[in-house]
């Protein structure tokens, strides 16, 4: 089998699907010597059958021949296990069992996403090529040779009955109560994937959300520590909500304007909000701007991780190591007990004031 896949995209609303039109050439030979053993029986008919998963994908038949003679085909296969496809009825009296029966079928096949072939011949060779640059080879067998570039791919599979045990699997499917799972598992083919689309990138960005939230809260903790200014848990909560809203903005925007632009807008929105909030909370706009610059740098590093395919895990691990190393080196000389005592002292006056005011109110109520 040889197929050339011409890929295109179709849209429904904001969603798209990868489709293809495959100009397919299916050719081979059948050994008819086994018919000699059946001559003593009455043969009702012999059919040459091609099974397709969905007949709606058969767009056009170009040239169909058997022994170099044009043939007429009928829809359906006559096999309950594989109902969709087409067939041709052979004249038993005209078959020459001393020569192989050669066939050559050329047709246009349309599908979505995947193209898979079940190799039921004693020897099978499949060649697929397309301009799609991101193939994912799927099935029980990988191609024996493949070339992938920005211009597309070429791949070739080879299979035989010894390596796939296809005869036993096919017989079990036909004669043993529809046990076809093992036959379908022996398929080979290609999946036309988009390796890093906006949903995949959004999902990967959420996987790093714990790292981002932890680092931001760590920044707040250090601000609280070095400024000796307590930060209320509600303020931590508002910051956490702003960080969570970043991912919601990212997913919703990316469905309409693409991931890169959506990431830029979400980053600017989240950074500006937190920059203004931190500056007002600390009553120091300069520190708010520094916090915003640090947040922009963090989001830029995350964007680089999301663009990577093969090195994402390595880059993420190195980033975590560098950030942790920086925090440890910055805080190696800090006396944590002393800092905690300073924070407690700063909080004591406000606590005593509150207690004194409460006592005065209680005393006034008793006098009344």
Protein backbone atom coordinates (compact mmCIF):
# COMPACT_ATOMS: atom_id res chain seq x y z
CA UNK A 1 0.00 0.00 0.00
CA UNK A 2 1.19 3.48 -0.88
CA UNK A 3 -0.62 6.64 0.25
CA UNK A 4 0.09 10.34 -0.12
CA UNK A 5 -1.67 12.40 2.53
CA UNK A 6 -2.72 15.96 1.73
CA UNK A 7 -3.56 17.60 5.06
CA UNK A 8 -5.95 20.44 5.81
CA UNK A 9 -7.91 21.86 8.75
CA UNK A 10 -11.60 22.35 9.38
CA UNK A 11 -13.12 24.58 12.01
CA UNK A 12 -16.29 24.52 14.05
CA UNK A 13 -16.49 27.66 16.11
CA UNK A 14 -13.19 28.04 17.95
CA UNK A 15 -12.26 24.37 17.56
CA UNK A 16 -10.31 22.83 14.70
CA UNK A 17 -9.71 19.31 13.45
CA UNK A 18 -6.80 17.99 11.39
CA UNK A 19 -8.02 16.11 8.30
CA UNK A 20 -6.42 14.56 5.27
CA UNK A 21 -7.14 13.32 1.79
CA UNK A 22 -5.05 10.27 0.97
CA UNK A 23 -4.44 9.31 -2.64
CA UNK A 24 -4.15 5.57 -2.02
CA UNK A 25 -2.75 2.78 -4.14
CA UNK A 26 -3.51 -0.71 -2.83
CA UNK A 27 -1.94 -3.54 -4.80
CA UNK A 28 -0.94 -7.14 -4.24
CA UNK A 29 -1.28 -10.77 -5.27
CA UNK A 30 -3.26 -13.76 -4.08
CA UNK A 31 -2.00 -17.32 -4.37
CA UNK A 32 -4.94 -19.32 -5.79
CA UNK A 33 -3.39 -22.79 -5.45
CA UNK A 34 -5.55 -23.45 -2.36
CA UNK A 35 -8.62 -23.46 -4.62
CA UNK A 36 -7.55 -26.80 -6.09
CA UNK A 37 -8.37 -28.47 -2.78
CA UNK A 38 -11.86 -26.95 -2.85
CA UNK A 39 -12.81 -28.07 -6.37
CA UNK A 40 -14.59 -31.11 -4.95
CA UNK A 41 -16.92 -28.80 -3.06
CA UNK A 42 -19.55 -26.46 -4.42
CA UNK A 43 -18.22 -22.91 -4.29
CA UNK A 44 -21.02 -20.36 -4.09
CA UNK A 45 -18.76 -17.40 -4.84
CA UNK A 46 -15.43 -15.77 -4.24
CA UNK A 47 -15.26 -12.12 -3.29
CA UNK A 48 -12.36 -9.74 -3.24
CA UNK A 49 -13.03 -7.50 -0.23
CA UNK A 50 -11.51 -4.23 1.03
CA UNK A 51 -12.71 -3.24 4.52
CA UNK A 52 -12.85 0.43 5.55
CA UNK A 53 -13.76 1.67 9.01
CA UNK A 54 -16.14 4.30 7.63
CA UNK A 55 -17.45 4.33 4.05
CA UNK A 56 -17.96 8.08 4.23
CA UNK A 57 -14.21 8.41 3.79
CA UNK A 58 -14.31 6.86 0.30
CA UNK A 59 -14.48 9.93 -1.92
CA UNK A 60 -13.44 8.73 -5.36
CA UNK A 61 -12.39 5.57 -7.21
CA UNK A 62 -9.80 6.23 -9.88
CA UNK A 63 -8.65 2.91 -11.33
CA UNK A 64 -9.62 -0.54 -10.08
CA UNK A 65 -8.20 -3.57 -11.87
CA UNK A 66 -7.82 -7.31 -11.33
CA UNK A 67 -5.27 -9.03 -13.57
CA UNK A 68 -5.02 -5.72 -15.47
CA UNK A 69 -8.76 -5.73 -16.26
CA UNK A 70 -11.18 -3.06 -14.99
CA UNK A 71 -13.70 -4.36 -12.50
CA UNK A 72 -17.05 -3.34 -11.07
CA UNK A 73 -17.38 -3.02 -7.31
CA UNK A 74 -20.35 -2.99 -4.95
CA UNK A 75 -20.58 -1.30 -1.53
CA UNK A 76 -20.30 -3.38 1.61
CA UNK A 77 -18.18 -6.41 2.39
CA UNK A 78 -20.68 -9.14 3.26
CA UNK A 79 -18.64 -9.84 6.43
CA UNK A 80 -20.40 -9.08 9.73
CA UNK A 81 -17.17 -8.19 11.50
CA UNK A 82 -16.23 -5.62 8.82
CA UNK A 83 -19.42 -4.29 7.31
CA UNK A 84 -18.03 -1.11 5.73
CA UNK A 85 -15.95 -1.15 2.57
CA UNK A 86 -16.37 -2.48 -0.98
CA UNK A 87 -16.13 -5.82 -2.78
CA UNK A 88 -15.85 -7.44 -6.18
CA UNK A 89 -17.27 -10.85 -7.06
CA UNK A 90 -14.86 -13.13 -8.94
CA UNK A 91 -15.93 -15.70 -11.55
CA UNK A 92 -14.67 -19.03 -10.20
CA UNK A 93 -14.60 -20.65 -13.66
CA UNK A 94 -12.30 -17.97 -15.03
CA UNK A 95 -9.68 -18.18 -12.29
CA UNK A 96 -6.34 -19.71 -13.20
CA UNK A 97 -4.98 -21.38 -10.10
CA UNK A 98 -1.55 -21.74 -11.67
CA UNK A 99 -1.03 -17.96 -11.66
CA UNK A 100 -1.37 -15.47 -8.86
CA UNK A 101 -4.35 -13.13 -8.87
CA UNK A 102 -3.03 -9.56 -9.09
CA UNK A 103 -5.07 -6.55 -8.07
CA UNK A 104 -4.44 -2.82 -8.17
CA UNK A 105 -6.90 -0.42 -6.52
CA UNK A 106 -6.51 3.36 -6.64
CA UNK A 107 -8.92 5.54 -4.68
CA UNK A 108 -9.16 8.77 -2.72
CA UNK A 109 -9.65 8.31 1.01
CA UNK A 110 -10.54 11.06 3.47
CA UNK A 111 -10.04 10.81 7.22
CA UNK A 112 -9.44 12.80 10.37
CA UNK A 113 -6.28 12.66 12.45
CA UNK A 114 -5.24 9.04 11.99
CA UNK A 115 -4.63 6.57 9.19
CA UNK A 116 -4.16 2.94 10.25
CA UNK A 117 -3.77 -0.26 8.26
CA UNK A 118 -4.25 -3.87 9.34
CA UNK A 119 -1.65 -6.05 7.53
CA UNK A 120 -3.48 -9.31 6.81
CA UNK A 121 -1.21 -10.49 3.98
CA UNK A 122 1.63 -12.99 4.31
CA UNK A 123 3.91 -10.04 3.53
CA UNK A 124 2.81 -6.42 3.71
CA UNK A 125 4.59 -3.20 2.80
CA UNK A 126 3.06 0.17 3.64
CA UNK A 127 4.49 3.51 2.55
CA UNK A 128 3.03 6.83 3.74
CA UNK A 129 4.22 10.32 2.96
CA UNK A 130 2.80 13.75 3.66
CA UNK A 131 3.70 17.42 4.07
CA UNK A 132 2.62 17.30 7.73
CA UNK A 133 5.77 17.91 9.83
CA UNK A 134 4.56 16.35 13.12
CA UNK A 135 3.72 12.66 12.62
CA UNK A 136 3.27 10.26 15.51
CA UNK A 137 3.74 6.65 14.41
CA UNK A 138 1.21 4.43 16.14
CA UNK A 139 0.15 0.81 16.21
CA UNK A 140 1.77 -2.51 16.98
CA UNK A 141 4.66 -1.96 14.57
CA UNK A 142 6.92 1.02 14.05
CA UNK A 143 8.22 1.93 10.57
CA UNK A 144 11.46 0.29 9.49
CA UNK A 145 12.52 3.61 7.96
CA UNK A 146 11.30 7.16 8.34
CA UNK A 147 12.35 10.68 7.45
CA UNK A 148 10.86 13.68 9.23
CA UNK A 149 11.58 17.33 8.45
CA UNK A 150 9.83 20.68 8.32
CA UNK A 151 8.71 19.77 4.80
CA UNK A 152 6.89 16.60 5.90
CA UNK A 153 7.60 12.93 6.45
CA UNK A 154 8.12 9.64 4.65
CA UNK A 155 7.70 6.31 6.43
CA UNK A 156 7.74 2.64 5.41
CA UNK A 157 6.44 -0.37 7.33
CA UNK A 158 7.01 -4.04 6.60
CA UNK A 159 5.22 -6.98 8.17
CA UNK A 160 4.90 -10.72 7.63
CA UNK A 161 2.78 -13.49 9.06
CA UNK A 162 5.61 -14.81 11.23
CA UNK A 163 6.23 -11.54 13.04
CA UNK A 164 2.57 -10.58 13.46
CA UNK A 165 0.86 -14.02 13.68
CA UNK A 166 -1.79 -12.38 11.53
CA UNK A 167 -3.33 -15.58 10.13
CA UNK A 168 -4.30 -16.84 13.58
CA UNK A 169 -5.61 -13.43 14.63
CA UNK A 170 -7.69 -13.11 11.47
CA UNK A 171 -9.13 -16.62 11.82
CA UNK A 172 -10.03 -15.98 15.45
CA UNK A 173 -11.82 -12.76 14.45
CA UNK A 174 -13.82 -14.40 11.64
CA UNK A 175 -14.68 -17.78 13.12
CA UNK A 176 -14.52 -17.43 16.90
CA UNK A 177 -17.39 -15.19 17.89
CA UNK A 178 -16.02 -11.80 16.82
CA UNK A 179 -12.78 -11.94 18.84
CA UNK A 180 -11.19 -9.16 16.80
CA UNK A 181 -9.40 -7.14 19.47
CA UNK A 182 -6.04 -8.81 18.85
CA UNK A 183 -6.43 -8.25 15.09
CA UNK A 184 -7.03 -4.53 15.55
CA UNK A 185 -4.05 -4.33 17.91
CA UNK A 186 -1.79 -5.36 15.04
CA UNK A 187 -2.48 -2.19 13.07
CA UNK A 188 0.20 0.20 11.87
CA UNK A 189 -0.14 3.81 10.87
CA UNK A 190 0.32 7.47 11.68
CA UNK A 191 -1.39 10.11 13.80
CA UNK A 192 -1.19 13.69 12.54
CA UNK A 193 -0.68 15.49 15.82
CA UNK A 194 -0.09 19.09 16.81
CA UNK A 195 2.70 18.55 19.36
CA UNK A 196 2.29 21.77 21.34
CA UNK A 197 -1.15 23.33 20.74
CA UNK A 198 -2.68 25.94 23.03
CA UNK A 199 -4.58 23.40 25.14
CA UNK A 200 -1.44 21.35 25.69
CA UNK A 201 0.53 24.49 26.54
CA UNK A 202 -2.19 25.66 28.94
CA UNK A 203 -2.21 22.27 30.62
CA UNK A 204 1.57 22.33 30.96
CA UNK A 205 1.46 25.84 32.38
CA UNK A 206 -1.01 24.63 35.03
CA UNK A 207 1.44 21.86 35.91
CA UNK A 208 3.90 24.60 36.87
CA UNK A 209 1.27 26.55 38.85
CA UNK A 210 2.39 25.13 42.20
CA UNK A 211 5.92 26.37 41.52
CA UNK A 212 4.70 29.84 40.54
CA UNK A 213 2.35 30.22 43.52
CA UNK A 214 5.01 28.94 45.94
CA UNK A 215 7.60 31.42 44.64
CA UNK A 216 5.18 34.35 44.81
CA UNK A 217 4.15 33.51 48.35
CA UNK A 218 7.84 33.13 49.24
CA UNK A 219 8.42 36.66 47.91
CA UNK A 220 5.62 37.92 50.12
CA UNK A 221 7.10 36.13 53.09
CA UNK A 222 10.49 37.77 52.51
CA UNK A 223 8.82 41.16 52.11
CA UNK A 224 7.10 40.59 55.42
CA UNK A 225 10.39 39.46 56.97
CA UNK A 226 12.69 42.22 55.74
CA UNK A 227 10.17 45.03 56.00
CA UNK A 228 9.10 43.91 59.49
CA UNK A 229 5.55 44.57 58.32
CA UNK A 230 2.98 41.83 58.94
CA UNK A 231 0.88 40.78 55.92
CA UNK A 232 -2.66 39.64 56.70
CA UNK A 233 -3.83 36.19 55.49
CA UNK A 234 -6.61 37.89 53.51
CA UNK A 235 -3.94 39.71 51.51
CA UNK A 236 -2.26 36.37 50.79
CA UNK A 237 -5.66 35.12 49.66
CA UNK A 238 -6.17 38.02 47.23
CA UNK A 239 -2.74 37.36 45.73
CA UNK A 240 -3.57 33.66 45.32
CA UNK A 241 -6.84 34.54 43.56
CA UNK A 242 -4.98 36.88 41.19
CA UNK A 243 -2.51 34.12 40.34
CA UNK A 244 -5.33 31.63 39.74
CA UNK A 245 -7.12 34.11 37.50
CA UNK A 246 -4.01 34.26 35.31
CA UNK A 247 -4.59 30.65 34.18
CA UNK A 248 -8.28 31.24 33.56
CA UNK A 249 -7.45 34.25 31.41
CA UNK A 250 -4.79 32.23 29.58
CA UNK A 251 -7.15 29.39 28.60
CA UNK A 252 -10.09 31.64 27.64
CA UNK A 253 -7.97 34.06 25.58
CA UNK A 254 -5.99 31.30 23.84
CA UNK A 255 -9.17 29.81 22.37
CA UNK A 256 -9.73 33.01 20.40
CA UNK A 257 -6.42 34.79 19.77
CA UNK A 258 -3.78 32.06 20.01
CA UNK A 259 -1.57 30.99 22.89
CA UNK A 260 1.34 33.44 22.54
CA UNK A 261 -0.79 36.58 22.46
CA UNK A 262 -3.06 35.19 25.19
CA UNK A 263 -0.06 34.50 27.39
CA UNK A 264 1.22 38.05 26.86
CA UNK A 265 -2.12 39.66 27.75
CA UNK A 266 -2.66 37.40 30.77
CA UNK A 267 0.85 38.11 32.03
CA UNK A 268 0.46 41.87 31.70
CA UNK A 269 -2.96 41.83 33.37
CA UNK A 270 -1.81 39.69 36.30
CA UNK A 271 1.47 41.57 36.74
CA UNK A 272 -0.12 45.04 36.67
CA UNK A 273 -2.76 44.00 39.19
CA UNK A 274 -0.25 42.51 41.62
CA UNK A 275 2.23 45.35 41.08
CA UNK A 276 -0.38 47.96 42.06
CA UNK A 277 -1.66 45.87 44.93
CA UNK A 278 1.79 45.18 46.43
CA UNK A 279 2.84 48.83 46.03
CA UNK A 280 -0.28 50.01 47.83
CA UNK A 281 -0.09 47.34 50.49
CA UNK A 282 3.52 48.21 51.35
CA UNK A 283 2.94 51.93 50.70
CA UNK A 284 6.01 51.90 48.52
CA UNK A 285 5.52 52.05 44.75
CA UNK A 286 9.20 51.33 44.08
CA UNK A 287 8.94 47.97 45.82
CA UNK A 288 5.74 47.32 43.92
CA UNK A 289 7.55 47.92 40.63
CA UNK A 290 10.41 45.64 41.69
CA UNK A 291 7.90 42.94 42.56
CA UNK A 292 6.26 43.38 39.14
CA UNK A 293 9.62 43.11 37.37
CA UNK A 294 10.40 39.89 39.24
CA UNK A 295 6.97 38.49 38.34
CA UNK A 296 7.46 39.36 34.65
CA UNK A 297 10.83 37.57 34.70
CA UNK A 298 9.22 34.51 36.24
CA UNK A 299 6.44 34.42 33.65
CA UNK A 300 9.03 34.85 30.86
CA UNK A 301 10.96 31.84 32.14
CA UNK A 302 7.74 29.84 32.29
CA UNK A 303 6.95 30.80 28.68
CA UNK A 304 10.32 29.44 27.60
CA UNK A 305 9.56 26.15 29.33
CA UNK A 306 6.21 25.88 27.55
CA UNK A 307 7.78 26.37 24.12
CA UNK A 308 10.22 23.51 24.66
CA UNK A 309 9.26 19.96 23.71
CA UNK A 310 12.09 17.57 24.45
CA UNK A 311 13.92 19.71 27.03
CA UNK A 312 10.98 20.98 29.12
CA UNK A 313 11.67 18.71 32.09
CA UNK A 314 15.40 19.47 32.07
CA UNK A 315 14.85 23.22 31.83
CA UNK A 316 12.20 23.15 34.56
CA UNK A 317 14.45 21.18 36.89
CA UNK A 318 17.38 23.56 36.32
CA UNK A 319 15.11 26.55 36.93
CA UNK A 320 13.93 25.11 40.26
CA UNK A 321 17.51 24.38 41.26
CA UNK A 322 18.71 27.89 40.38
CA UNK A 323 15.84 29.57 42.24
CA UNK A 324 16.27 27.41 45.32
CA UNK A 325 20.03 28.00 45.29
CA UNK A 326 19.50 31.75 45.04
CA UNK A 327 17.07 31.80 47.97
CA UNK A 328 19.37 29.70 50.13
CA UNK A 329 22.39 31.92 49.38
CA UNK A 330 20.41 35.10 50.02
CA UNK A 331 19.16 33.88 53.39
CA UNK A 332 22.18 31.96 54.64
CA UNK A 333 23.18 34.71 57.12
CA UNK A 334 19.71 35.47 58.44
CA UNK A 335 19.04 34.83 62.12
CA UNK A 336 15.51 33.48 61.80
CA UNK A 337 14.87 33.56 65.55
CA UNK A 338 15.85 37.21 65.69
CA UNK A 339 13.59 38.10 62.77
CA UNK A 340 10.69 36.24 64.37
CA UNK A 341 11.25 38.13 67.62
CA UNK A 342 11.23 41.47 65.77
CA UNK A 343 7.95 40.60 64.10
CA UNK A 344 6.44 39.64 67.44
CA UNK A 345 7.59 42.91 68.99
CA UNK A 346 6.05 44.90 66.15
CA UNK A 347 2.77 43.09 66.63
CA UNK A 348 2.72 43.47 70.45
CA UNK A 349 1.88 47.23 70.62
CA UNK A 350 -1.15 46.78 68.41
CA UNK A 351 -2.21 43.78 70.47
CA UNK A 352 -1.81 45.67 73.77
CA UNK A 353 -3.73 48.63 72.37
CA UNK A 354 -6.57 46.34 71.38
CA UNK A 355 -6.62 44.70 74.83
CA UNK A 356 -6.59 48.06 76.64
CA UNK A 357 -9.42 49.37 74.51
CA UNK A 358 -11.42 46.22 75.14
CA UNK A 359 -10.91 46.55 78.93
CA UNK A 360 -12.09 50.18 78.87
CA UNK A 361 -15.25 49.21 77.01
CA UNK A 362 -16.00 46.45 79.51
CA UNK A 363 -15.40 48.84 82.42
CA UNK A 364 -17.70 51.46 80.89
CA UNK A 365 -20.48 48.90 80.42
CA UNK A 366 -20.25 47.86 84.11
CA UNK A 367 -20.46 51.50 85.29
CA UNK A 368 -23.64 51.98 83.26
